[in-house]
Amino acid sequence: MLPRFRAKLKPAIAAQRLYDQIVSRAREPVFYTGFAVPDTLDGRFDLLCLHAFTVMDALKSAGPAAEKIGTELASLIFAGFDDALRQLGVSDVGMGRRIKAMADAFYGRLKAYGAARDESELAAALLRNVYRGDGARQRETAALAHYIFGLRHALRDQSGLLLEGRSDFGIVPIW
């Protein structure tokens, strides 16, 4: 009975909390050391996309309130891209073109990861995107796919937490 009296969190606040958690998890050193994701702008972008995918995928099936949070989350992600580009010295003149390219890459990855029905299909998408087709990274790709596939399903069971702006990514994977 008590949850009914809880004040609802504004979508922007919940989204900001989720964004901060996504960024924090995507920056965990194990992804760059153990999973051999390149510690480059592209590698960091890919890890952010992967973790954002798991949260946004879970939000899709959690109702209208979650949809608003997902929209706010996407806005925050793109504001983060904008900030990162500005820190790299990209001028306003080139900003629109670069953000469009990042948006295409971001939504393309979300679509590819969302279409994966099992770990092997997800691994194929990860090999293509995260590891740029490097066949020597099969083991890392399989391990990353296992982690993301499991996380995707775990977050789908956390709709209540997500609506509060909290995600339980679990323990940092060991590899």
N, C-alpha and C. Protein backbone atom coordinates (compact mmCIF):
# COMPACT_ATOMS: atom_id res chain seq x y z
N MET A 1 0.81 -1.18 0.00
CA MET A 1 0.00 0.00 0.00
C MET A 1 0.87 1.27 0.00
N LEU A 2 2.01 1.24 0.63
CA LEU A 2 2.87 2.41 0.69
C LEU A 2 3.37 2.89 -0.67
N PRO A 3 3.73 1.99 -1.60
CA PRO A 3 4.23 2.49 -2.88
C PRO A 3 3.25 3.41 -3.60
N ARG A 4 1.98 3.27 -3.33
CA ARG A 4 0.98 4.10 -3.99
C ARG A 4 1.14 5.56 -3.58
N PHE A 5 1.67 5.79 -2.40
CA PHE A 5 1.80 7.15 -1.90
C PHE A 5 3.15 7.78 -2.20
N ARG A 6 4.04 7.02 -2.80
CA ARG A 6 5.35 7.56 -3.17
C ARG A 6 5.19 8.63 -4.23
N ALA A 7 5.96 9.69 -4.09
CA ALA A 7 5.95 10.72 -5.13
C ALA A 7 6.60 10.14 -6.38
N LYS A 8 5.98 10.39 -7.52
CA LYS A 8 6.56 9.90 -8.76
C LYS A 8 7.74 10.77 -9.16
N LEU A 9 8.77 10.11 -9.61
CA LEU A 9 9.97 10.79 -10.06
C LEU A 9 9.72 11.38 -11.45
N LYS A 10 10.16 12.58 -11.66
CA LYS A 10 10.02 13.19 -12.98
C LYS A 10 10.88 12.41 -13.96
N PRO A 11 10.39 12.23 -15.20
CA PRO A 11 11.16 11.47 -16.19
C PRO A 11 12.58 12.00 -16.39
N ALA A 12 12.76 13.32 -16.35
CA ALA A 12 14.10 13.88 -16.56
C ALA A 12 15.06 13.48 -15.45
N ILE A 13 14.57 13.41 -14.22
CA ILE A 13 15.43 13.03 -13.09
C ILE A 13 15.77 11.55 -13.18
N ALA A 14 14.77 10.73 -13.46
CA ALA A 14 15.01 9.28 -13.61
C ALA A 14 15.99 9.02 -14.75
N ALA A 15 15.80 9.72 -15.87
CA ALA A 15 16.69 9.54 -17.02
C ALA A 15 18.12 9.96 -16.69
N GLN A 16 18.28 11.06 -15.96
CA GLN A 16 19.62 11.51 -15.59
C GLN A 16 20.32 10.48 -14.72
N ARG A 17 19.60 9.91 -13.79
CA ARG A 17 20.18 8.87 -12.94
C ARG A 17 20.59 7.65 -13.78
N LEU A 18 19.71 7.24 -14.68
CA LEU A 18 20.02 6.09 -15.54
C LEU A 18 21.23 6.39 -16.43
N TYR A 19 21.27 7.58 -16.98
CA TYR A 19 22.38 7.97 -17.84
C TYR A 19 23.70 7.90 -17.07
N ASP A 20 23.70 8.44 -15.85
CA ASP A 20 24.92 8.41 -15.04
C ASP A 20 25.36 6.97 -14.76
N GLN A 21 24.40 6.08 -14.52
CA GLN A 21 24.72 4.68 -14.26
C GLN A 21 25.24 3.99 -15.52
N ILE A 22 24.67 4.30 -16.65
CA ILE A 22 25.12 3.73 -17.92
C ILE A 22 26.56 4.16 -18.20
N VAL A 23 26.84 5.44 -18.05
CA VAL A 23 28.19 5.95 -18.30
C VAL A 23 29.18 5.31 -17.34
N SER A 24 28.79 5.22 -16.09
CA SER A 24 29.69 4.63 -15.09
C SER A 24 30.02 3.17 -15.43
N ARG A 25 29.00 2.40 -15.79
CA ARG A 25 29.25 0.99 -16.12
C ARG A 25 30.06 0.88 -17.41
N ALA A 26 29.78 1.70 -18.39
CA ALA A 26 30.51 1.63 -19.67
C ALA A 26 31.98 1.99 -19.51
N ARG A 27 32.32 2.70 -18.45
CA ARG A 27 33.71 3.10 -18.23
C ARG A 27 34.49 2.13 -17.36
N GLU A 28 33.88 1.04 -16.95
CA GLU A 28 34.58 0.06 -16.11
C GLU A 28 35.81 -0.47 -16.86
N PRO A 29 36.97 -0.46 -16.22
CA PRO A 29 38.20 -0.89 -16.88
C PRO A 29 38.17 -2.32 -17.43
N VAL A 30 37.39 -3.21 -16.85
CA VAL A 30 37.39 -4.61 -17.30
C VAL A 30 36.99 -4.72 -18.77
N PHE A 31 36.17 -3.82 -19.26
CA PHE A 31 35.76 -3.90 -20.67
C PHE A 31 36.94 -3.63 -21.60
N TYR A 32 37.86 -2.79 -21.16
CA TYR A 32 39.01 -2.43 -21.99
C TYR A 32 40.18 -3.40 -21.78
N THR A 33 40.25 -3.97 -20.60
CA THR A 33 41.35 -4.89 -20.32
C THR A 33 40.93 -6.32 -20.63
N GLY A 34 39.97 -6.84 -19.92
CA GLY A 34 39.56 -8.23 -20.08
C GLY A 34 38.83 -8.53 -21.37
N PHE A 35 37.90 -7.65 -21.75
CA PHE A 35 37.11 -7.89 -22.96
C PHE A 35 37.77 -7.32 -24.21
N ALA A 36 38.87 -6.64 -24.04
CA ALA A 36 39.69 -6.09 -25.14
C ALA A 36 38.93 -5.13 -26.05
N VAL A 37 37.97 -4.40 -25.49
CA VAL A 37 37.34 -3.33 -26.26
C VAL A 37 38.38 -2.24 -26.38
N PRO A 38 38.62 -1.73 -27.58
CA PRO A 38 39.65 -0.70 -27.72
C PRO A 38 39.33 0.52 -26.85
N ASP A 39 40.33 1.00 -26.11
CA ASP A 39 40.16 2.18 -25.28
C ASP A 39 40.38 3.41 -26.14
N THR A 40 39.43 3.62 -27.04
CA THR A 40 39.45 4.72 -27.99
C THR A 40 38.09 5.40 -27.94
N LEU A 41 37.94 6.47 -28.68
CA LEU A 41 36.62 7.12 -28.76
C LEU A 41 35.58 6.15 -29.29
N ASP A 42 35.95 5.38 -30.30
CA ASP A 42 35.00 4.41 -30.87
C ASP A 42 34.66 3.32 -29.86
N GLY A 43 35.65 2.82 -29.14
CA GLY A 43 35.39 1.78 -28.15
C GLY A 43 34.50 2.28 -27.04
N ARG A 44 34.73 3.48 -26.57
CA ARG A 44 33.91 4.07 -25.51
C ARG A 44 32.49 4.32 -26.01
N PHE A 45 32.38 4.79 -27.24
CA PHE A 45 31.06 4.98 -27.86
C PHE A 45 30.31 3.65 -27.91
N ASP A 46 30.99 2.60 -28.33
CA ASP A 46 30.34 1.29 -28.44
C ASP A 46 29.88 0.75 -27.09
N LEU A 47 30.68 0.93 -26.06
CA LEU A 47 30.27 0.46 -24.74
C LEU A 47 29.11 1.27 -24.19
N LEU A 48 29.09 2.56 -24.46
CA LEU A 48 27.96 3.38 -24.06
C LEU A 48 26.70 2.91 -24.79
N CYS A 49 26.83 2.67 -26.09
CA CYS A 49 25.69 2.18 -26.88
C CYS A 49 25.17 0.85 -26.34
N LEU A 50 26.07 -0.05 -26.03
CA LEU A 50 25.67 -1.37 -25.52
C LEU A 50 24.88 -1.27 -24.23
N HIS A 51 25.38 -0.50 -23.30
CA HIS A 51 24.70 -0.38 -22.01
C HIS A 51 23.43 0.44 -22.13
N ALA A 52 23.43 1.46 -22.97
CA ALA A 52 22.20 2.21 -23.22
C ALA A 52 21.16 1.30 -23.87
N PHE A 53 21.60 0.44 -24.76
CA PHE A 53 20.68 -0.50 -25.41
C PHE A 53 19.95 -1.35 -24.37
N THR A 54 20.69 -1.89 -23.40
CA THR A 54 20.05 -2.78 -22.42
C THR A 54 18.99 -2.04 -21.62
N VAL A 55 19.27 -0.80 -21.25
CA VAL A 55 18.30 -0.01 -20.47
C VAL A 55 17.13 0.40 -21.35
N MET A 56 17.41 0.90 -22.54
CA MET A 56 16.34 1.37 -23.42
C MET A 56 15.45 0.20 -23.86
N ASP A 57 16.03 -0.95 -24.05
CA ASP A 57 15.27 -2.14 -24.40
C ASP A 57 14.30 -2.50 -23.27
N ALA A 58 14.78 -2.42 -22.04
CA ALA A 58 13.92 -2.72 -20.89
C ALA A 58 12.82 -1.67 -20.73
N LEU A 59 13.15 -0.41 -21.00
CA LEU A 59 12.16 0.65 -20.87
C LEU A 59 11.04 0.51 -21.90
N LYS A 60 11.37 -0.02 -23.09
CA LYS A 60 10.36 -0.15 -24.15
C LYS A 60 9.15 -0.95 -23.71
N SER A 61 9.37 -1.94 -22.86
CA SER A 61 8.28 -2.82 -22.47
C SER A 61 7.70 -2.48 -21.10
N ALA A 62 8.03 -1.31 -20.56
CA ALA A 62 7.60 -0.96 -19.20
C ALA A 62 6.50 0.10 -19.15
N GLY A 63 5.84 0.37 -20.26
CA GLY A 63 4.70 1.28 -20.24
C GLY A 63 5.00 2.71 -20.61
N PRO A 64 3.95 3.56 -20.60
CA PRO A 64 4.06 4.95 -21.04
C PRO A 64 5.02 5.80 -20.19
N ALA A 65 5.04 5.60 -18.89
CA ALA A 65 5.95 6.37 -18.04
C ALA A 65 7.39 6.06 -18.41
N ALA A 66 7.67 4.81 -18.69
CA ALA A 66 9.01 4.39 -19.08
C ALA A 66 9.37 4.95 -20.45
N GLU A 67 8.39 5.09 -21.32
CA GLU A 67 8.63 5.66 -22.65
C GLU A 67 9.14 7.09 -22.53
N LYS A 68 8.55 7.85 -21.61
CA LYS A 68 9.00 9.23 -21.39
C LYS A 68 10.43 9.25 -20.86
N ILE A 69 10.73 8.33 -19.97
CA ILE A 69 12.09 8.25 -19.44
C ILE A 69 13.06 7.89 -20.57
N GLY A 70 12.65 6.97 -21.45
CA GLY A 70 13.49 6.59 -22.59
C GLY A 70 13.77 7.75 -23.51
N THR A 71 12.76 8.59 -23.74
CA THR A 71 12.94 9.77 -24.58
C THR A 71 13.93 10.74 -23.93
N GLU A 72 13.76 10.96 -22.64
CA GLU A 72 14.68 11.84 -21.90
C GLU A 72 16.10 11.27 -21.91
N LEU A 73 16.19 9.95 -21.75
CA LEU A 73 17.50 9.28 -21.75
C LEU A 73 18.21 9.47 -23.09
N ALA A 74 17.48 9.30 -24.18
CA ALA A 74 18.07 9.50 -25.51
C ALA A 74 18.58 10.94 -25.66
N SER A 75 17.81 11.89 -25.16
CA SER A 75 18.25 13.30 -25.22
C SER A 75 19.54 13.51 -24.44
N LEU A 76 19.63 12.89 -23.27
CA LEU A 76 20.85 13.02 -22.47
C LEU A 76 22.05 12.37 -23.15
N ILE A 77 21.81 11.24 -23.77
CA ILE A 77 22.90 10.55 -24.48
C ILE A 77 23.45 11.45 -25.59
N PHE A 78 22.56 12.08 -26.35
CA PHE A 78 23.02 12.94 -27.43
C PHE A 78 23.63 14.23 -26.92
N ALA A 79 23.16 14.72 -25.79
CA ALA A 79 23.81 15.88 -25.17
C ALA A 79 25.23 15.49 -24.75
N GLY A 80 25.39 14.28 -24.27
CA GLY A 80 26.72 13.78 -23.91
C GLY A 80 27.63 13.67 -25.12
N PHE A 81 27.08 13.21 -26.24
CA PHE A 81 27.87 13.16 -27.48
C PHE A 81 28.31 14.56 -27.87
N ASP A 82 27.38 15.51 -27.79
CA ASP A 82 27.67 16.89 -28.14
C ASP A 82 28.79 17.43 -27.25
N ASP A 83 28.68 17.21 -25.94
CA ASP A 83 29.71 17.67 -25.01
C ASP A 83 31.07 17.06 -25.34
N ALA A 84 31.07 15.77 -25.61
CA ALA A 84 32.33 15.09 -25.92
C ALA A 84 32.98 15.66 -27.18
N LEU A 85 32.18 15.90 -28.19
CA LEU A 85 32.73 16.48 -29.43
C LEU A 85 33.28 17.88 -29.19
N ARG A 86 32.58 18.66 -28.38
CA ARG A 86 33.06 20.02 -28.09
C ARG A 86 34.38 19.98 -27.32
N GLN A 87 34.49 19.01 -26.40
CA GLN A 87 35.75 18.88 -25.65
C GLN A 87 36.90 18.49 -26.58
N LEU A 88 36.57 17.82 -27.67
CA LEU A 88 37.60 17.44 -28.65
C LEU A 88 37.92 18.58 -29.61
N GLY A 89 37.17 19.69 -29.49
CA GLY A 89 37.45 20.85 -30.31
C GLY A 89 36.64 20.95 -31.59
N VAL A 90 35.58 20.16 -31.71
CA VAL A 90 34.74 20.26 -32.90
C VAL A 90 33.96 21.57 -32.82
N SER A 91 33.99 22.31 -33.91
CA SER A 91 33.30 23.61 -33.93
C SER A 91 31.82 23.43 -34.25
N ASP A 92 31.07 24.48 -34.05
CA ASP A 92 29.64 24.45 -34.36
C ASP A 92 29.38 24.11 -35.82
N VAL A 93 30.30 24.51 -36.69
CA VAL A 93 30.14 24.27 -38.11
C VAL A 93 30.08 22.77 -38.43
N GLY A 94 30.91 21.99 -37.79
CA GLY A 94 30.94 20.56 -38.06
C GLY A 94 30.08 19.71 -37.13
N MET A 95 29.46 20.36 -36.16
CA MET A 95 28.74 19.62 -35.12
C MET A 95 27.54 18.85 -35.67
N GLY A 96 26.71 19.49 -36.44
CA GLY A 96 25.49 18.84 -36.95
C GLY A 96 25.80 17.57 -37.73
N ARG A 97 26.78 17.64 -38.60
CA ARG A 97 27.16 16.49 -39.41
C ARG A 97 27.66 15.34 -38.54
N ARG A 98 28.45 15.66 -37.55
CA ARG A 98 29.02 14.62 -36.68
C ARG A 98 27.96 14.00 -35.77
N ILE A 99 27.07 14.83 -35.25
CA ILE A 99 25.99 14.30 -34.40
C ILE A 99 25.08 13.41 -35.24
N LYS A 100 24.82 13.79 -36.47
CA LYS A 100 23.98 12.94 -37.34
C LYS A 100 24.64 11.59 -37.57
N ALA A 101 25.95 11.61 -37.81
CA ALA A 101 26.68 10.35 -38.01
C ALA A 101 26.63 9.50 -36.74
N MET A 102 26.77 10.13 -35.58
CA MET A 102 26.70 9.39 -34.32
C MET A 102 25.29 8.85 -34.08
N ALA A 103 24.28 9.64 -34.43
CA ALA A 103 22.90 9.18 -34.27
C ALA A 103 22.63 7.97 -35.15
N ASP A 104 23.09 8.04 -36.39
CA ASP A 104 22.92 6.90 -37.30
C ASP A 104 23.61 5.65 -36.74
N ALA A 105 24.83 5.83 -36.23
CA ALA A 105 25.57 4.70 -35.66
C ALA A 105 24.88 4.18 -34.40
N PHE A 106 24.44 5.08 -33.54
CA PHE A 106 23.78 4.70 -32.29
C PHE A 106 22.51 3.90 -32.57
N TYR A 107 21.63 4.46 -33.38
CA TYR A 107 20.35 3.78 -33.64
C TYR A 107 20.55 2.53 -34.50
N GLY A 108 21.55 2.52 -35.35
CA GLY A 108 21.87 1.31 -36.10
C GLY A 108 22.30 0.18 -35.17
N ARG A 109 23.11 0.52 -34.20
CA ARG A 109 23.54 -0.49 -33.23
C ARG A 109 22.36 -0.98 -32.39
N LEU A 110 21.52 -0.05 -31.92
CA LEU A 110 20.35 -0.46 -31.14
C LEU A 110 19.47 -1.42 -31.94
N LYS A 111 19.32 -1.13 -33.21
CA LYS A 111 18.50 -2.00 -34.06
C LYS A 111 19.16 -3.38 -34.22
N ALA A 112 20.45 -3.38 -34.47
CA ALA A 112 21.17 -4.66 -34.65
C ALA A 112 21.15 -5.49 -33.37
N TYR A 113 21.38 -4.86 -32.24
CA TYR A 113 21.39 -5.60 -30.97
C TYR A 113 19.98 -6.07 -30.61
N GLY A 114 18.99 -5.25 -30.90
CA GLY A 114 17.61 -5.62 -30.62
C GLY A 114 17.12 -6.77 -31.48
N ALA A 115 17.67 -6.90 -32.66
CA ALA A 115 17.26 -7.98 -33.57
C ALA A 115 17.88 -9.32 -33.20
N ALA A 116 18.90 -9.30 -32.35
CA ALA A 116 19.59 -10.54 -31.97
C ALA A 116 18.67 -11.40 -31.12
N ARG A 117 18.39 -12.61 -31.58
CA ARG A 117 17.50 -13.52 -30.86
C ARG A 117 18.24 -14.41 -29.87
N ASP A 118 19.54 -14.51 -30.03
CA ASP A 118 20.33 -15.34 -29.11
C ASP A 118 21.75 -14.77 -29.03
N GLU A 119 22.55 -15.39 -28.18
CA GLU A 119 23.90 -14.88 -27.97
C GLU A 119 24.76 -14.92 -29.22
N SER A 120 24.58 -15.93 -30.06
CA SER A 120 25.42 -16.01 -31.25
C SER A 120 25.10 -14.88 -32.23
N GLU A 121 23.82 -14.52 -32.35
CA GLU A 121 23.47 -13.40 -33.23
C GLU A 121 23.97 -12.08 -32.64
N LEU A 122 23.88 -11.96 -31.33
CA LEU A 122 24.41 -10.76 -30.69
C LEU A 122 25.92 -10.70 -30.85
N ALA A 123 26.59 -11.84 -30.72
CA ALA A 123 28.05 -11.89 -30.90
C ALA A 123 28.44 -11.43 -32.30
N ALA A 124 27.68 -11.83 -33.30
CA ALA A 124 27.98 -11.41 -34.68
C ALA A 124 27.87 -9.89 -34.81
N ALA A 125 26.84 -9.30 -34.19
CA ALA A 125 26.67 -7.85 -34.24
C ALA A 125 27.80 -7.15 -33.47
N LEU A 126 28.19 -7.73 -32.34
CA LEU A 126 29.27 -7.14 -31.55
C LEU A 126 30.62 -7.23 -32.28
N LEU A 127 30.86 -8.35 -32.92
CA LEU A 127 32.11 -8.51 -33.68
C LEU A 127 32.19 -7.45 -34.77
N ARG A 128 31.08 -7.22 -35.44
CA ARG A 128 31.02 -6.24 -36.52
C ARG A 128 31.21 -4.81 -35.98
N ASN A 129 30.53 -4.48 -34.88
CA ASN A 129 30.53 -3.10 -34.40
C ASN A 129 31.64 -2.79 -33.40
N VAL A 130 31.75 -3.56 -32.35
CA VAL A 130 32.71 -3.26 -31.28
C VAL A 130 34.13 -3.58 -31.71
N TYR A 131 34.29 -4.73 -32.35
CA TYR A 131 35.64 -5.20 -32.70
C TYR A 131 35.97 -4.97 -34.17
N ARG A 132 35.10 -4.28 -34.89
CA ARG A 132 35.32 -3.92 -36.30
C ARG A 132 35.72 -5.11 -37.16
N GLY A 133 35.10 -6.26 -36.88
CA GLY A 133 35.30 -7.46 -37.69
C GLY A 133 36.59 -8.22 -37.42
N ASP A 134 37.28 -7.91 -36.33
CA ASP A 134 38.55 -8.57 -35.99
C ASP A 134 38.28 -10.00 -35.54
N GLY A 135 38.48 -10.95 -36.44
CA GLY A 135 38.22 -12.36 -36.17
C GLY A 135 39.04 -12.93 -35.03
N ALA A 136 40.13 -12.28 -34.65
CA ALA A 136 40.96 -12.74 -33.54
C ALA A 136 40.29 -12.48 -32.19
N ARG A 137 39.18 -11.78 -32.19
CA ARG A 137 38.49 -11.41 -30.95
C ARG A 137 37.23 -12.26 -30.71
N GLN A 138 37.22 -13.48 -31.23
CA GLN A 138 36.04 -14.36 -31.08
C GLN A 138 35.73 -14.65 -29.61
N ARG A 139 36.75 -14.95 -28.81
CA ARG A 139 36.52 -15.27 -27.39
C ARG A 139 35.95 -14.08 -26.64
N GLU A 140 36.55 -12.92 -26.84
CA GLU A 140 36.07 -11.71 -26.17
C GLU A 140 34.66 -11.36 -26.63
N THR A 141 34.41 -11.54 -27.92
CA THR A 141 33.09 -11.26 -28.46
C THR A 141 32.04 -12.16 -27.83
N ALA A 142 32.34 -13.44 -27.73
CA ALA A 142 31.39 -14.39 -27.13
C ALA A 142 31.14 -14.05 -25.66
N ALA A 143 32.19 -13.67 -24.93
CA ALA A 143 32.03 -13.32 -23.52
C ALA A 143 31.21 -12.04 -23.36
N LEU A 144 31.47 -11.04 -24.20
CA LEU A 144 30.72 -9.79 -24.13
C LEU A 144 29.26 -10.03 -24.51
N ALA A 145 29.02 -10.85 -25.50
CA ALA A 145 27.64 -11.18 -25.89
C ALA A 145 26.90 -11.88 -24.76
N HIS A 146 27.59 -12.78 -24.07
CA HIS A 146 26.98 -13.49 -22.94
C HIS A 146 26.60 -12.49 -21.84
N TYR A 147 27.49 -11.59 -21.54
CA TYR A 147 27.23 -10.57 -20.52
C TYR A 147 26.04 -9.69 -20.92
N ILE A 148 26.07 -9.15 -22.13
CA ILE A 148 25.02 -8.22 -22.57
C ILE A 148 23.68 -8.94 -22.72
N PHE A 149 23.68 -10.15 -23.23
CA PHE A 149 22.43 -10.90 -23.39
C PHE A 149 21.80 -11.16 -22.03
N GLY A 150 22.61 -11.54 -21.05
CA GLY A 150 22.10 -11.76 -19.71
C GLY A 150 21.62 -10.47 -19.06
N LEU A 151 22.37 -9.40 -19.24
CA LEU A 151 22.00 -8.10 -18.69
C LEU A 151 20.69 -7.60 -19.29
N ARG A 152 20.54 -7.81 -20.57
CA ARG A 152 19.31 -7.39 -21.26
C ARG A 152 18.09 -8.04 -20.61
N HIS A 153 18.18 -9.31 -20.35
CA HIS A 153 17.05 -10.01 -19.75
C HIS A 153 16.86 -9.65 -18.29
N ALA A 154 17.94 -9.43 -17.57
CA ALA A 154 17.84 -9.04 -16.16
C ALA A 154 17.17 -7.67 -16.01
N LEU A 155 17.51 -6.73 -16.88
CA LEU A 155 16.94 -5.39 -16.79
C LEU A 155 15.45 -5.38 -17.16
N ARG A 156 15.03 -6.29 -18.00
CA ARG A 156 13.61 -6.37 -18.35
C ARG A 156 12.75 -6.69 -17.12
N ASP A 157 13.35 -7.32 -16.13
CA ASP A 157 12.63 -7.65 -14.90
C ASP A 157 12.72 -6.53 -13.87
N GLN A 158 13.30 -5.40 -14.23
CA GLN A 158 13.51 -4.31 -13.28
C GLN A 158 12.71 -3.06 -13.61
N SER A 159 11.54 -3.21 -14.20
CA SER A 159 10.81 -2.03 -14.63
C SER A 159 10.54 -1.06 -13.49
N GLY A 160 10.25 -1.58 -12.29
CA GLY A 160 10.02 -0.70 -11.15
C GLY A 160 11.25 0.11 -10.80
N LEU A 161 12.40 -0.54 -10.80
CA LEU A 161 13.65 0.17 -10.53
C LEU A 161 13.95 1.22 -11.60
N LEU A 162 13.75 0.85 -12.85
CA LEU A 162 14.04 1.76 -13.95
C LEU A 162 13.16 3.01 -13.87
N LEU A 163 11.91 2.84 -13.48
CA LEU A 163 11.02 3.99 -13.35
C LEU A 163 11.47 4.92 -12.22
N GLU A 164 12.23 4.39 -11.28
CA GLU A 164 12.79 5.19 -10.20
C GLU A 164 14.16 5.75 -10.56
N GLY A 165 14.62 5.46 -11.76
CA GLY A 165 15.93 5.95 -12.19
C GLY A 165 17.07 5.11 -11.67
N ARG A 166 16.79 3.84 -11.39
CA ARG A 166 17.83 2.95 -10.89
C ARG A 166 17.89 1.72 -11.78
N SER A 167 19.10 1.28 -12.02
CA SER A 167 19.29 0.04 -12.77
C SER A 167 20.28 -0.81 -12.00
N ASP A 168 20.02 -2.08 -11.96
CA ASP A 168 20.94 -2.99 -11.28
C ASP A 168 21.67 -3.76 -12.37
N PHE A 169 22.85 -3.27 -12.71
CA PHE A 169 23.67 -3.93 -13.70
C PHE A 169 24.36 -5.17 -13.14
N GLY A 170 24.19 -5.39 -11.85
CA GLY A 170 24.85 -6.54 -11.23
C GLY A 170 26.33 -6.25 -10.99
N ILE A 171 27.03 -7.30 -10.64
CA ILE A 171 28.45 -7.12 -10.40
C ILE A 171 29.17 -6.89 -11.72
N VAL A 172 30.29 -6.23 -11.64
CA VAL A 172 31.10 -6.01 -12.83
C VAL A 172 31.58 -7.36 -13.32
N PRO A 173 31.39 -7.63 -14.61
CA PRO A 173 31.79 -8.94 -15.11
C PRO A 173 33.30 -9.16 -14.98
N ILE A 174 33.65 -10.37 -14.69
CA ILE A 174 35.06 -10.73 -14.57
C ILE A 174 35.44 -11.52 -15.81
N TRP A 175 36.52 -11.15 -16.39
CA TRP A 175 36.96 -11.85 -17.59
C TRP A 175 38.45 -11.97 -17.59
